[in-house]
C-alpha atoms as a PDB file:
ATOM      1  CA  UNK A   1      66.652  78.687  71.928  1.00  0.00           C
ATOM      2  CA  UNK A   2      64.358  78.602  74.506  1.00  0.00           C
ATOM      3  CA  UNK A   3      65.221  79.102  78.673  1.00  0.00           C
ATOM      4  CA  UNK A   4      62.763  79.147  81.199  1.00  0.00           C
ATOM      5  CA  UNK A   5      64.161  80.569  84.472  1.00  0.00           C
ATOM      6  CA  UNK A   6      62.545  82.214  87.965  1.00  0.00           C
ATOM      7  CA  UNK A   7      61.170  85.500  87.454  1.00  0.00           C
ATOM      8  CA  UNK A   8      63.119  87.180  90.291  1.00  0.00           C
ATOM      9  CA  UNK A   9      66.437  85.662  89.007  1.00  0.00           C
ATOM     10  CA  UNK A  10      65.449  87.613  85.959  1.00  0.00           C
ATOM     11  CA  UNK A  11      65.043  91.319  87.821  1.00  0.00           C
ATOM     12  CA  UNK A  12      67.716  90.647  90.063  1.00  0.00           C
ATOM     13  CA  UNK A  13      69.984  90.933  87.470  1.00  0.00           C
ATOM     14  CA  UNK A  14      68.090  93.172  85.296  1.00  0.00           C
ATOM     15  CA  UNK A  15      68.205  95.249  88.415  1.00  0.00           C
ATOM     16  CA  UNK A  16      71.956  95.030  88.830  1.00  0.00           C
ATOM     17  CA  UNK A  17      72.617  95.895  85.165  1.00  0.00           C
ATOM     18  CA  UNK A  18      70.723  98.842  85.205  1.00  0.00           C
ATOM     19  CA  UNK A  19      71.928 100.067  88.190  1.00  0.00           C
ATOM     20  CA  UNK A  20      75.491  99.206  87.216  1.00  0.00           C
ATOM     21  CA  UNK A  21      76.014 100.803  84.458  1.00  0.00           C
ATOM     22  CA  UNK A  22      73.529 103.318  84.877  1.00  0.00           C
ATOM     23  CA  UNK A  23      75.766 105.970  83.828  1.00  0.00           C
ATOM     24  CA  UNK A  24      77.228 104.530  80.670  1.00  0.00           C
ATOM     25  CA  UNK A  25      75.566 105.209  77.038  1.00  0.00           C
ATOM     26  CA  UNK A  26      76.802 101.932  75.194  1.00  0.00           C
ATOM     27  CA  UNK A  27      74.084  99.725  74.769  1.00  0.00           C
ATOM     28  CA  UNK A  28      75.702  96.439  75.239  1.00  0.00           C
ATOM     29  CA  UNK A  29      76.364  98.020  78.906  1.00  0.00           C
ATOM     30  CA  UNK A  30      72.652  98.118  79.225  1.00  0.00           C
ATOM     31  CA  UNK A  31      71.788  94.526  78.875  1.00  0.00           C
ATOM     32  CA  UNK A  32      71.986  91.015  80.246  1.00  0.00           C
ATOM     33  CA  UNK A  33      72.784  88.530  77.815  1.00  0.00           C
ATOM     34  CA  UNK A  34      71.785  84.675  78.803  1.00  0.00           C
ATOM     35  CA  UNK A  35      74.169  82.001  77.339  1.00  0.00           C
ATOM     36  CA  UNK A  36      73.090  77.903  77.182  1.00  0.00           C
ATOM     37  CA  UNK A  37      75.609  75.398  76.676  1.00  0.00           C
ATOM     38  CA  UNK A  38      72.639  72.408  76.271  1.00  0.00           C
ATOM     39  CA  UNK A  39      72.633  71.990  80.302  1.00  0.00           C
ATOM     40  CA  UNK A  40      73.464  75.182  81.988  1.00  0.00           C
ATOM     41  CA  UNK A  41      72.516  78.532  81.870  1.00  0.00           C
ATOM     42  CA  UNK A  42      74.923  81.403  82.099  1.00  0.00           C
ATOM     43  CA  UNK A  43      73.637  84.937  82.195  1.00  0.00           C
ATOM     44  CA  UNK A  44      76.621  87.405  81.644  1.00  0.00           C
ATOM     45  CA  UNK A  45      76.902  91.475  81.982  1.00  0.00           C
ATOM     46  CA  UNK A  46      79.524  93.952  80.832  1.00  0.00           C
ATOM     47  CA  UNK A  47      80.632  97.900  81.346  1.00  0.00           C
ATOM     48  CA  UNK A  48      82.949  96.973  78.843  1.00  0.00           C
ATOM     49  CA  UNK A  49      85.997  97.143  81.261  1.00  0.00           C
ATOM     50  CA  UNK A  50      84.580  94.391  83.519  1.00  0.00           C
ATOM     51  CA  UNK A  51      82.855  91.278  82.503  1.00  0.00           C
ATOM     52  CA  UNK A  52      80.518  89.226  85.234  1.00  0.00           C
ATOM     53  CA  UNK A  53      79.478  85.663  84.697  1.00  0.00           C
ATOM     54  CA  UNK A  54      77.272  83.460  87.208  1.00  0.00           C
ATOM     55  CA  UNK A  55      75.443  80.008  86.346  1.00  0.00           C
ATOM     56  CA  UNK A  56      71.769  80.555  86.049  1.00  0.00           C
ATOM     57  CA  UNK A  57      69.027  78.155  87.894  1.00  0.00           C
ATOM     58  CA  UNK A  58      67.398  77.988  84.740  1.00  0.00           C
ATOM     59  CA  UNK A  59      66.498  74.996  81.807  1.00  0.00           C
ATOM     60  CA  UNK A  60      67.594  75.379  78.169  1.00  0.00           C
ATOM     61  CA  UNK A  61      66.070  73.243  75.247  1.00  0.00           C
ATOM     62  CA  UNK A  62      69.605  73.424  73.657  1.00  0.00           C
ATOM     63  CA  UNK A  63      72.688  75.667  72.747  1.00  0.00           C
ATOM     64  CA  UNK A  64      72.541  79.139  72.070  1.00  0.00           C
ATOM     65  CA  UNK A  65      72.817  82.836  73.247  1.00  0.00           C
ATOM     66  CA  UNK A  66      70.538  86.022  73.419  1.00  0.00           C
ATOM     67  CA  UNK A  67      70.692  89.990  74.995  1.00  0.00           C
ATOM     68  CA  UNK A  68      67.466  91.802  76.777  1.00  0.00           C
ATOM     69  CA  UNK A  69      67.972  94.982  77.448  1.00  0.00           C
ATOM     70  CA  UNK A  70      67.621  96.085  81.142  1.00  0.00           C
ATOM     71  CA  UNK A  71      64.097  98.113  80.101  1.00  0.00           C
ATOM     72  CA  UNK A  72      62.558  94.667  79.759  1.00  0.00           C
ATOM     73  CA  UNK A  73      60.654  94.131  83.285  1.00  0.00           C
ATOM     74  CA  UNK A  74      58.642  91.419  83.978  1.00  0.00           C
ATOM     75  CA  UNK A  75      56.236  90.629  87.105  1.00  0.00           C
ATOM     76  CA  UNK A  76      55.486  86.975  86.095  1.00  0.00           C
ATOM     77  CA  UNK A  77      56.950  84.354  88.717  1.00  0.00           C
ATOM     78  CA  UNK A  78      58.204  82.802  85.864  1.00  0.00           C
ATOM     79  CA  UNK A  79      60.045  84.203  82.773  1.00  0.00           C
ATOM     80  CA  UNK A  80      59.500  82.085  79.341  1.00  0.00           C
ATOM     81  CA  UNK A  81      62.852  83.251  76.906  1.00  0.00           C
ATOM     82  CA  UNK A  82      61.867  82.243  72.892  1.00  0.00           C
ATOM     83  CA  UNK A  83      64.628  83.057  70.312  1.00  0.00           C
ATOM     84  CA  UNK A  84      63.957  82.529  67.074  1.00  0.00           C
ATOM     85  CA  UNK A  85      66.225  83.236  63.515  1.00  0.00           C
ATOM     86  CA  UNK A  86      64.001  86.658  63.701  1.00  0.00           C
ATOM     87  CA  UNK A  87      62.311  87.373  66.665  1.00  0.00           C
ATOM     88  CA  UNK A  88      62.960  86.995  70.769  1.00  0.00           C
ATOM     89  CA  UNK A  89      60.084  86.700  73.142  1.00  0.00           C
ATOM     90  CA  UNK A  90      59.677  87.279  76.828  1.00  0.00           C
ATOM     91  CA  UNK A  91      56.758  85.599  77.887  1.00  0.00           C
ATOM     92  CA  UNK A  92      55.467  86.047  74.426  1.00  0.00           C
ATOM     93  CA  UNK A  93      55.913  89.754  74.460  1.00  0.00           C
ATOM     94  CA  UNK A  94      58.423  91.054  71.914  1.00  0.00           C
ATOM     95  CA  UNK A  95      61.758  92.487  72.659  1.00  0.00           C
ATOM     96  CA  UNK A  96      63.807  94.911  70.520  1.00  0.00           C
ATOM     97  CA  UNK A  97      67.198  94.371  70.958  1.00  0.00           C
ATOM     98  CA  UNK A  98      68.505  95.135  67.318  1.00  0.00           C
ATOM     99  CA  UNK A  99      71.369  97.496  68.942  1.00  0.00           C
ATOM    100  CA  UNK A 100      72.668  94.863  71.111  1.00  0.00           C
ATOM    101  CA  UNK A 101      75.056  91.829  70.857  1.00  0.00           C
ATOM    102  CA  UNK A 102      75.593  89.456  73.491  1.00  0.00           C
ATOM    103  CA  UNK A 103      78.528  90.226  75.417  1.00  0.00           C
ATOM    104  CA  UNK A 104      81.587  87.888  74.511  1.00  0.00           C
ATOM    105  CA  UNK A 105      84.432  87.218  77.075  1.00  0.00           C
ATOM    106  CA  UNK A 106      87.745  88.651  76.719  1.00  0.00           C
ATOM    107  CA  UNK A 107      89.469  85.103  77.753  1.00  0.00           C
ATOM    108  CA  UNK A 108      88.661  81.678  76.501  1.00  0.00           C
ATOM    109  CA  UNK A 109      87.075  79.699  79.504  1.00  0.00           C
ATOM    110  CA  UNK A 110      89.059  76.079  78.950  1.00  0.00           C
ATOM    111  CA  UNK A 111      92.544  78.085  78.831  1.00  0.00           C
ATOM    112  CA  UNK A 112      91.929  80.035  82.684  1.00  0.00           C
ATOM    113  CA  UNK A 113      94.705  78.661  85.078  1.00  0.00           C
ATOM    114  CA  UNK A 114      93.974  80.358  88.250  1.00  0.00           C
ATOM    115  CA  UNK A 115      97.506  80.670  90.417  1.00  0.00           C
ATOM    116  CA  UNK A 116      96.513  81.568  93.967  1.00  0.00           C
ATOM    117  CA  UNK A 117      93.415  80.874  95.794  1.00  0.00           C
ATOM    118  CA  UNK A 118      91.782  82.492  98.841  1.00  0.00           C
ATOM    119  CA  UNK A 119      88.458  83.389 100.856  1.00  0.00           C
ATOM    120  CA  UNK A 120      86.127  85.671  99.058  1.00  0.00           C
ATOM    121  CA  UNK A 121      85.083  87.291 102.318  1.00  0.00           C
ATOM    122  CA  UNK A 122      88.353  87.830 102.590  1.00  0.00           C
ATOM    123  CA  UNK A 123      89.649  89.508  99.854  1.00  0.00           C
ATOM    124  CA  UNK A 124      86.014  91.776  99.926  1.00  0.00           C
ATOM    125  CA  UNK A 125      87.241  93.270 103.774  1.00  0.00           C
ATOM    126  CA  UNK A 126      90.733  93.873 102.187  1.00  0.00           C
ATOM    127  CA  UNK A 127      89.483  96.085  99.122  1.00  0.00           C
ATOM    128  CA  UNK A 128      87.065  98.100 101.445  1.00  0.00           C
ATOM    129  CA  UNK A 129      90.280  98.686 103.820  1.00  0.00           C
ATOM    130  CA  UNK A 130      93.214  99.727 100.953  1.00  0.00           C
ATOM    131  CA  UNK A 131      90.405 101.382  98.491  1.00  0.00           C
ATOM    132  CA  UNK A 132      90.018 104.886 100.751  1.00  0.00           C
ATOM    133  CA  UNK A 133      93.758 105.296  99.892  1.00  0.00           C
ATOM    134  CA  UNK A 134      93.075 104.620  95.629  1.00  0.00           C
ATOM    135  CA  UNK A 135      93.811 107.961  93.716  1.00  0.00           C
ATOM    136  CA  UNK A 136      90.483 109.257  92.327  1.00  0.00           C
ATOM    137  CA  UNK A 137      92.091 110.445  89.086  1.00  0.00           C
ATOM    138  CA  UNK A 138      90.420 107.793  86.785  1.00  0.00           C
ATOM    139  CA  UNK A 139      93.697 109.526  84.212  1.00  0.00           C
ATOM    140  CA  UNK A 140      96.794 108.379  86.472  1.00  0.00           C
ATOM    141  CA  UNK A 141      97.712 105.672  84.747  1.00  0.00           C
ATOM    142  CA  UNK A 142     100.037 105.023  88.057  1.00  0.00           C
ATOM    143  CA  UNK A 143      97.846 105.055  90.974  1.00  0.00           C
ATOM    144  CA  UNK A 144      94.248 104.746  90.093  1.00  0.00           C
ATOM    145  CA  UNK A 145      93.720 101.401  91.216  1.00  0.00           C
ATOM    146  CA  UNK A 146      94.231  98.663  93.378  1.00  0.00           C
ATOM    147  CA  UNK A 147      97.356  96.575  92.840  1.00  0.00           C
ATOM    148  CA  UNK A 148      96.679  92.486  93.905  1.00  0.00           C
ATOM    149  CA  UNK A 149      99.950  90.573  94.133  1.00  0.00           C
ATOM    150  CA  UNK A 150     101.005  87.124  95.497  1.00  0.00           C
ATOM    151  CA  UNK A 151     103.859  87.348  98.184  1.00  0.00           C
ATOM    152  CA  UNK A 152     106.443  84.148  98.894  1.00  0.00           C
ATOM    153  CA  UNK A 153     104.711  83.702 102.455  1.00  0.00           C
ATOM    154  CA  UNK A 154     101.186  81.943 101.021  1.00  0.00           C
ATOM    155  CA  UNK A 155      99.582  85.455 101.102  1.00  0.00           C
ATOM    156  CA  UNK A 156      97.816  88.199  99.358  1.00  0.00           C
ATOM    157  CA  UNK A 157      99.178  91.914  99.030  1.00  0.00           C
ATOM    158  CA  UNK A 158      97.022  94.485  98.220  1.00  0.00           C
ATOM    159  CA  UNK A 159      97.980  98.116  98.181  1.00  0.00           C
ATOM    160  CA  UNK A 160      96.421 101.727  97.466  1.00  0.00           C
ATOM    161  CA  UNK A 161      97.938 104.753  97.461  1.00  0.00           C
ATOM    162  CA  UNK A 162      96.848 108.460  96.135  1.00  0.00           C
ATOM    163  CA  UNK A 163     100.286 109.811  97.259  1.00  0.00           C
ATOM    164  CA  UNK A 164      99.136 111.293 100.755  1.00  0.00           C
ATOM    165  CA  UNK A 165      99.211 107.721 102.339  1.00  0.00           C
ATOM    166  CA  UNK A 166      99.369 103.745 101.787  1.00  0.00           C
ATOM    167  CA  UNK A 167      97.180 101.384 102.898  1.00  0.00           C
ATOM    168  CA  UNK A 168      98.128  98.021 102.698  1.00  0.00           C
ATOM    169  CA  UNK A 169      96.328  94.482 103.419  1.00  0.00           C
ATOM    170  CA  UNK A 170      97.795  90.897 103.459  1.00  0.00           C
ATOM    171  CA  UNK A 171      95.250  88.135 103.218  1.00  0.00           C
ATOM    172  CA  UNK A 172      96.159  84.321 103.707  1.00  0.00           C
ATOM    173  CA  UNK A 173      95.831  83.126 100.012  1.00  0.00           C
ATOM    174  CA  UNK A 174      96.862  79.265  98.581  1.00  0.00           C
ATOM    175  CA  UNK A 175      99.578  78.893  95.963  1.00  0.00           C
ATOM    176  CA  UNK A 176      98.409  76.532  93.456  1.00  0.00           C
ATOM    177  CA  UNK A 177     101.953  77.114  91.580  1.00  0.00           C
ATOM    178  CA  UNK A 178     105.131  75.516  92.581  1.00  0.00           C
ATOM    179  CA  UNK A 179     106.611  78.674  94.636  1.00  0.00           C
ATOM    180  CA  UNK A 180     109.510  78.919  92.317  1.00  0.00           C
ATOM    181  CA  UNK A 181     106.857  79.945  89.662  1.00  0.00           C
ATOM    182  CA  UNK A 182     106.219  83.523  88.107  1.00  0.00           C
ATOM    183  CA  UNK A 183     104.226  85.464  91.167  1.00  0.00           C
ATOM    184  CA  UNK A 184     101.103  87.165  90.057  1.00  0.00           C
ATOM    185  CA  UNK A 185     100.366  91.181  90.147  1.00  0.00           C
ATOM    186  CA  UNK A 186      96.944  91.922  89.221  1.00  0.00           C
ATOM    187  CA  UNK A 187      95.342  96.061  89.146  1.00  0.00           C
ATOM    188  CA  UNK A 188      91.750  96.451  89.818  1.00  0.00           C
ATOM    189  CA  UNK A 189      89.231  99.482  90.736  1.00  0.00           C
ATOM    190  CA  UNK A 190      86.120  99.853  92.510  1.00  0.00           C
ATOM    191  CA  UNK A 191      84.205  97.925  90.120  1.00  0.00           C
ATOM    192  CA  UNK A 192      85.836  94.602  91.361  1.00  0.00           C
ATOM    193  CA  UNK A 193      84.483  94.881  94.727  1.00  0.00           C
ATOM    194  CA  UNK A 194      81.175  96.068  93.381  1.00  0.00           C
ATOM    195  CA  UNK A 195      81.235  92.372  91.752  1.00  0.00           C
ATOM    196  CA  UNK A 196      82.336  90.320  94.444  1.00  0.00           C
ATOM    197  CA  UNK A 197      79.543  91.275  96.463  1.00  0.00           C
ATOM    198  CA  UNK A 198      77.291  89.705  93.585  1.00  0.00           C
ATOM    199  CA  UNK A 199      79.260  86.643  94.225  1.00  0.00           C
ATOM    200  CA  UNK A 200      78.043  83.257  95.914  1.00  0.00           C
ATOM    201  CA  UNK A 201      81.325  81.410  96.260  1.00  0.00           C
ATOM    202  CA  UNK A 202      83.176  81.175  99.514  1.00  0.00           C
ATOM    203  CA  UNK A 203      86.773  80.822  97.743  1.00  0.00           C
ATOM    204  CA  UNK A 204      87.962  82.610  94.805  1.00  0.00           C
ATOM    205  CA  UNK A 205      90.757  81.618  92.413  1.00  0.00           C
ATOM    206  CA  UNK A 206      92.807  84.353  91.082  1.00  0.00           C
ATOM    207  CA  UNK A 207      94.984  84.562  87.613  1.00  0.00           C
ATOM    208  CA  UNK A 208      96.028  86.564  84.427  1.00  0.00           C
ATOM    209  CA  UNK A 209      95.443  85.321  80.942  1.00  0.00           C
ATOM    210  CA  UNK A 210      97.814  87.804  78.560  1.00  0.00           C
ATOM    211  CA  UNK A 211      96.690  91.346  79.569  1.00  0.00           C
ATOM    212  CA  UNK A 212      93.032  90.440  81.228  1.00  0.00           C
ATOM    213  CA  UNK A 213      92.865  89.360  84.820  1.00  0.00           C
ATOM    214  CA  UNK A 214      90.197  87.053  85.890  1.00  0.00           C
ATOM    215  CA  UNK A 215      89.128  85.398  89.298  1.00  0.00           C
ATOM    216  CA  UNK A 216      86.598  82.325  89.391  1.00  0.00           C
ATOM    217  CA  UNK A 217      84.542  81.182  92.281  1.00  0.00           C
ATOM    218  CA  UNK A 218      83.705  77.308  93.835  1.00  0.00           C
ATOM    219  CA  UNK A 219      80.711  77.907  92.207  1.00  0.00           C
ATOM    220  CA  UNK A 220      81.973  78.688  88.667  1.00  0.00           C
ATOM    221  CA  UNK A 221      81.358  82.449  88.891  1.00  0.00           C
ATOM    222  CA  UNK A 222      83.477  83.973  87.058  1.00  0.00           C
ATOM    223  CA  UNK A 223      84.372  88.464  87.051  1.00  0.00           C
ATOM    224  CA  UNK A 224      87.467  89.533  84.386  1.00  0.00           C
ATOM    225  CA  UNK A 225      88.567  92.524  83.764  1.00  0.00           C
ATOM    226  CA  UNK A 226      91.478  94.482  82.219  1.00  0.00           C
ATOM    227  CA  UNK A 227      93.396  97.318  84.069  1.00  0.00           C
ATOM    228  CA  UNK A 228      96.775  97.717  83.626  1.00  0.00           C
ATOM    229  CA  UNK A 229      99.054 100.646  85.744  1.00  0.00           C
ATOM    230  CA  UNK A 230     102.417 101.173  85.752  1.00  0.00           C
ATOM    231  CA  UNK A 231     102.093 100.793  90.133  1.00  0.00           C
ATOM    232  CA  UNK A 232     105.288 102.746  92.166  1.00  0.00           C
ATOM    233  CA  UNK A 233     107.800 100.597  94.363  1.00  0.00           C
ATOM    234  CA  UNK A 234     105.976 101.741  97.463  1.00  0.00           C
ATOM    235  CA  UNK A 235     109.021  99.805  99.395  1.00  0.00           C
ATOM    236  CA  UNK A 236     111.284 102.522  99.300  1.00  0.00           C
ATOM    237  CA  UNK A 237     108.483 104.728 101.080  1.00  0.00           C
ATOM    238  CA  UNK A 238     108.353 102.733 104.205  1.00  0.00           C
ATOM    239  CA  UNK A 239     110.205 103.953 107.147  1.00  0.00           C
ATOM    240  CA  UNK A 240     112.908 101.771 108.723  1.00  0.00           C
ATOM    241  CA  UNK A 241     110.756 101.125 112.230  1.00  0.00           C
ATOM    242  CA  UNK A 242     114.106 101.113 114.188  1.00  0.00           C
ATOM    243  CA  UNK A 243     114.288 104.583 113.797  1.00  0.00           C
ATOM    244  CA  UNK A 244     110.403 105.593 115.117  1.00  0.00           C
ATOM    245  CA  UNK A 245     110.357 108.719 117.313  1.00  0.00           C
ATOM    246  CA  UNK A 246     107.661 107.078 119.430  1.00  0.00           C
ATOM    247  CA  UNK A 247     104.929 104.185 119.306  1.00  0.00           C
ATOM    248  CA  UNK A 248     101.757 104.899 120.555  1.00  0.00           C
ATOM    249  CA  UNK A 249      98.879 102.237 121.004  1.00  0.00           C
ATOM    250  CA  UNK A 250      95.416 103.505 121.429  1.00  0.00           C
ATOM    251  CA  UNK A 251      92.056 102.076 121.702  1.00  0.00           C
ATOM    252  CA  UNK A 252      90.910 101.849 117.785  1.00  0.00           C
ATOM    253  CA  UNK A 253      86.861 102.325 119.430  1.00  0.00           C
ATOM    254  CA  UNK A 254      88.033 105.610 121.441  1.00  0.00           C
ATOM    255  CA  UNK A 255      89.849 107.151 118.959  1.00  0.00           C
ATOM    256  CA  UNK A 256      87.325 106.794 116.167  1.00  0.00           C
ATOM    257  CA  UNK A 257      84.713 108.382 118.739  1.00  0.00           C
ATOM    258  CA  UNK A 258      87.656 111.679 119.543  1.00  0.00           C
ATOM    259  CA  UNK A 259      87.848 112.257 115.779  1.00  0.00           C
ATOM    260  CA  UNK A 260      84.798 112.052 114.719  1.00  0.00           C
ATOM    261  CA  UNK A 261      83.783 114.348 117.755  1.00  0.00           C
ATOM    262  CA  UNK A 262      86.073 116.412 116.917  1.00  0.00           C
ATOM    263  CA  UNK A 263      84.055 116.665 113.222  1.00  0.00           C
ATOM    264  CA  UNK A 264      85.412 118.326 109.814  1.00  0.00           C
ATOM    265  CA  UNK A 265      84.901 121.682 108.624  1.00  0.00           C
ATOM    266  CA  UNK A 266      82.106 121.805 105.953  1.00  0.00           C
ATOM    267  CA  UNK A 267      84.106 122.303 102.848  1.00  0.00           C
ATOM    268  CA  UNK A 268      87.421 121.178 104.278  1.00  0.00           C
ATOM    269  CA  UNK A 269      88.362 118.129 103.422  1.00  0.00           C
ATOM    270  CA  UNK A 270      92.248 117.966 104.844  1.00  0.00           C
ATOM    271  CA  UNK A 271      91.636 119.496 107.727  1.00  0.00           C
ATOM    272  CA  UNK A 272      94.493 119.205 110.236  1.00  0.00           C
ATOM    273  CA  UNK A 273      94.784 117.914 114.286  1.00  0.00           C
ATOM    274  CA  UNK A 274      97.419 118.461 116.058  1.00  0.00           C
ATOM    275  CA  UNK A 275      98.264 115.510 118.653  1.00  0.00           C
ATOM    276  CA  UNK A 276     100.421 116.043 121.816  1.00  0.00           C
ATOM    277  CA  UNK A 277     101.731 114.345 124.349  1.00  0.00           C
ATOM    278  CA  UNK A 278     103.271 116.213 127.351  1.00  0.00           C
ATOM    279  CA  UNK A 279     106.039 113.609 129.299  1.00  0.00           C
ATOM    280  CA  UNK A 280     105.122 111.271 131.400  1.00  0.00           C
ATOM    281  CA  UNK A 281     101.511 111.449 131.010  1.00  0.00           C
ATOM    282  CA  UNK A 282      99.070 108.974 129.718  1.00  0.00           C
ATOM    283  CA  UNK A 283      96.463 110.354 127.833  1.00  0.00           C
ATOM    284  CA  UNK A 284      97.245 112.462 124.080  1.00  0.00           C
ATOM    285  CA  UNK A 285      95.312 115.430 123.509  1.00  0.00           C
ATOM    286  CA  UNK A 286      93.940 116.143 119.906  1.00  0.00           C
ATOM    287  CA  UNK A 287      93.341 119.584 118.805  1.00  0.00           C
ATOM    288  CA  UNK A 288      91.767 120.973 116.033  1.00  0.00           C
ATOM    289  CA  UNK A 289      93.701 123.536 114.324  1.00  0.00           C
ATOM    290  CA  UNK A 290      90.711 125.388 112.768  1.00  0.00           C
ATOM    291  CA  UNK A 291      88.030 125.357 116.454  1.00  0.00           C
ATOM    292  CA  UNK A 292      90.686 124.650 118.729  1.00  0.00           C
ATOM    293  CA  UNK A 293      88.413 121.521 120.145  1.00  0.00           C
ATOM    294  CA  UNK A 294      90.209 119.161 121.902  1.00  0.00           C
ATOM    295  CA  UNK A 295      89.615 115.296 122.704  1.00  0.00           C
ATOM    296  CA  UNK A 296      91.729 113.482 124.817  1.00  0.00           C
ATOM    297  CA  UNK A 297      92.672 109.384 124.424  1.00  0.00           C
ATOM    298  CA  UNK A 298      94.241 107.360 127.112  1.00  0.00           C
ATOM    299  CA  UNK A 299      97.299 105.779 125.832  1.00  0.00           C
ATOM    300  CA  UNK A 300      98.001 102.259 126.558  1.00  0.00           C
ATOM    301  CA  UNK A 301     101.937 102.266 126.686  1.00  0.00           C
ATOM    302  CA  UNK A 302     104.358 103.784 128.903  1.00  0.00           C
ATOM    303  CA  UNK A 303     104.512 107.359 128.275  1.00  0.00           C
ATOM    304  CA  UNK A 304     107.449 108.802 127.035  1.00  0.00           C
ATOM    305  CA  UNK A 305     110.088 110.720 128.961  1.00  0.00           C
ATOM    306  CA  UNK A 306     109.787 114.183 126.414  1.00  0.00           C
ATOM    307  CA  UNK A 307     107.042 116.041 124.393  1.00  0.00           C
ATOM    308  CA  UNK A 308     105.733 114.387 121.134  1.00  0.00           C
ATOM    309  CA  UNK A 309     103.762 116.956 119.139  1.00  0.00           C
ATOM    310  CA  UNK A 310     102.547 116.192 115.149  1.00  0.00           C
ATOM    311  CA  UNK A 311      99.441 117.346 112.795  1.00  0.00           C
ATOM    312  CA  UNK A 312      97.641 114.654 111.527  1.00  0.00           C
ATOM    313  CA  UNK A 313      95.129 114.453 108.437  1.00  0.00           C
ATOM    314  CA  UNK A 314      91.547 114.227 110.594  1.00  0.00           C
ATOM    315  CA  UNK A 315      90.193 113.727 106.870  1.00  0.00           C
ATOM    316  CA  UNK A 316      92.365 110.651 105.923  1.00  0.00           C
ATOM    317  CA  UNK A 317      92.459 109.224 109.687  1.00  0.00           C
ATOM    318  CA  UNK A 318      88.663 108.912 109.710  1.00  0.00           C
ATOM    319  CA  UNK A 319      88.732 106.968 106.542  1.00  0.00           C
ATOM    320  CA  UNK A 320      91.155 104.494 107.855  1.00  0.00           C
ATOM    321  CA  UNK A 321      89.573 103.930 111.387  1.00  0.00           C
ATOM    322  CA  UNK A 322      86.502 102.734 109.291  1.00  0.00           C
ATOM    323  CA  UNK A 323      88.085  99.609 108.019  1.00  0.00           C
ATOM    324  CA  UNK A 324      89.934  98.981 111.530  1.00  0.00           C
ATOM    325  CA  UNK A 325      87.309  96.770 113.928  1.00  0.00           C
ATOM    326  CA  UNK A 326      86.496  98.829 116.905  1.00  0.00           C
ATOM    327  CA  UNK A 327      87.614  96.164 119.290  1.00  0.00           C
ATOM    328  CA  UNK A 328      91.580  96.329 118.035  1.00  0.00           C
ATOM    329  CA  UNK A 329      94.490  98.499 119.541  1.00  0.00           C
ATOM    330  CA  UNK A 330      96.032 100.371 117.499  1.00  0.00           C
ATOM    331  CA  UNK A 331      99.755 101.060 117.084  1.00  0.00           C
ATOM    332  CA  UNK A 332     100.807 104.205 115.527  1.00  0.00           C
ATOM    333  CA  UNK A 333     104.944 105.023 114.870  1.00  0.00           C
ATOM    334  CA  UNK A 334     105.409 108.567 114.867  1.00  0.00           C
ATOM    335  CA  UNK A 335     108.666 109.260 112.536  1.00  0.00           C
ATOM    336  CA  UNK A 336     109.103 112.897 114.138  1.00  0.00           C
ATOM    337  CA  UNK A 337     110.372 115.172 111.474  1.00  0.00           C
ATOM    338  CA  UNK A 338     111.619 119.126 111.542  1.00  0.00           C
ATOM    339  CA  UNK A 339     108.077 120.264 111.141  1.00  0.00           C
ATOM    340  CA  UNK A 340     105.915 116.840 110.602  1.00  0.00           C
ATOM    341  CA  UNK A 341     105.849 113.180 111.103  1.00  0.00           C
ATOM    342  CA  UNK A 342     105.791 110.706 109.215  1.00  0.00           C
ATOM    343  CA  UNK A 343     102.755 108.384 111.030  1.00  0.00           C
ATOM    344  CA  UNK A 344     102.676 104.014 110.524  1.00  0.00           C
ATOM    345  CA  UNK A 345      99.371 102.863 111.857  1.00  0.00           C
ATOM    346  CA  UNK A 346      98.867  99.151 112.604  1.00  0.00           C
ATOM    347  CA  UNK A 347      96.849  96.922 114.742  1.00  0.00           C
ATOM    348  CA  UNK A 348      98.877  95.583 117.762  1.00  0.00           C
ATOM    349  CA  UNK A 349      99.508  92.189 118.160  1.00  0.00           C
ATOM    350  CA  UNK A 350      98.678  91.710 114.064  1.00  0.00           C
ATOM    351  CA  UNK A 351     100.911  92.262 110.860  1.00  0.00           C
ATOM    352  CA  UNK A 352      97.990  92.497 108.371  1.00  0.00           C
ATOM    353  CA  UNK A 353      96.317  95.887 108.555  1.00  0.00           C
ATOM    354  CA  UNK A 354      99.513  98.589 107.738  1.00  0.00           C
ATOM    355  CA  UNK A 355      98.983 102.131 106.913  1.00  0.00           C
ATOM    356  CA  UNK A 356     101.476 104.984 106.072  1.00  0.00           C
ATOM    357  CA  UNK A 357     100.440 108.906 106.448  1.00  0.00           C
ATOM    358  CA  UNK A 358     102.290 111.399 105.288  1.00  0.00           C
ATOM    359  CA  UNK A 359     102.884 114.099 107.583  1.00  0.00           C
ATOM    360  CA  UNK A 360     100.829 117.550 107.745  1.00  0.00           C
ATOM    361  CA  UNK A 361     103.160 120.346 108.197  1.00  0.00           C
ATOM    362  CA  UNK A 362     102.769 121.636 111.460  1.00  0.00           C
END
């Protein structure tokens, strides 16, 4: 088998595989596989939990497959890969790949039947919004990951939690199966976001085959992965909005600047900030519990007739605000308890962004 491709395409794939799996010691993860069906050529990369495959603009003389370690670089504008029964060469240089195998997909490509379709950009933005709330302990089999599921309202709902907060994001989606069919539920880790950014397609179709989740772009790019969670029922922790003590509306940009100005103490990740609103006033006072430094944020809605005082985790709020557009208005529902408050965060006049942050003790 002979494959001819551009040197820039070869180097781009090689560099990505090397960077993505730079901490992985398994040889199969530090290589790029090239597969030819006689007409088209595909590049395939894996970390043995995720598999990434995309078409390559290349020429091949027949069917075949080869694997090239990421240590083989090229500087020529055109790369010639030549594989015989006994030897593999790149631009006439012999490649030693005895410890490597062509990465095999965990699903048969001819049996994939996607269930929902959405825009790739929407899924990327949604993952960026929910991932900060994901549990960081990879041994946690309940919440180390993001849940992605279809809803009856032709949407995808993405959720992540670390028990301190819950981030949810809805994006438009088209169901590719009858509405009464089984709804789709997938679980993913940050690797999915990394791979999505390597695709070039506009739309992606998602599905699951046995225990393997997958998505296919409109340019025939494929990502498949295996990740299962016993994700908790998040609906039971969401408070009734009718029981909110007070709803506050503020500028996302102004609140972000105030939080940033207060800053975080070095070495203190979950720093406490008091939020106070005096009766019949139109400005929130944010006070850092450690430094006593304060910032004012203008209230957009009618001020309450009684004092509001609660504490928020500045680190969690700062992470949340990083993924909310600056030009928006935030609606914060405060559920006051005896000595702490639960806060719900939404974009005013938009139901797609949602976050729940547990209260900190006063």
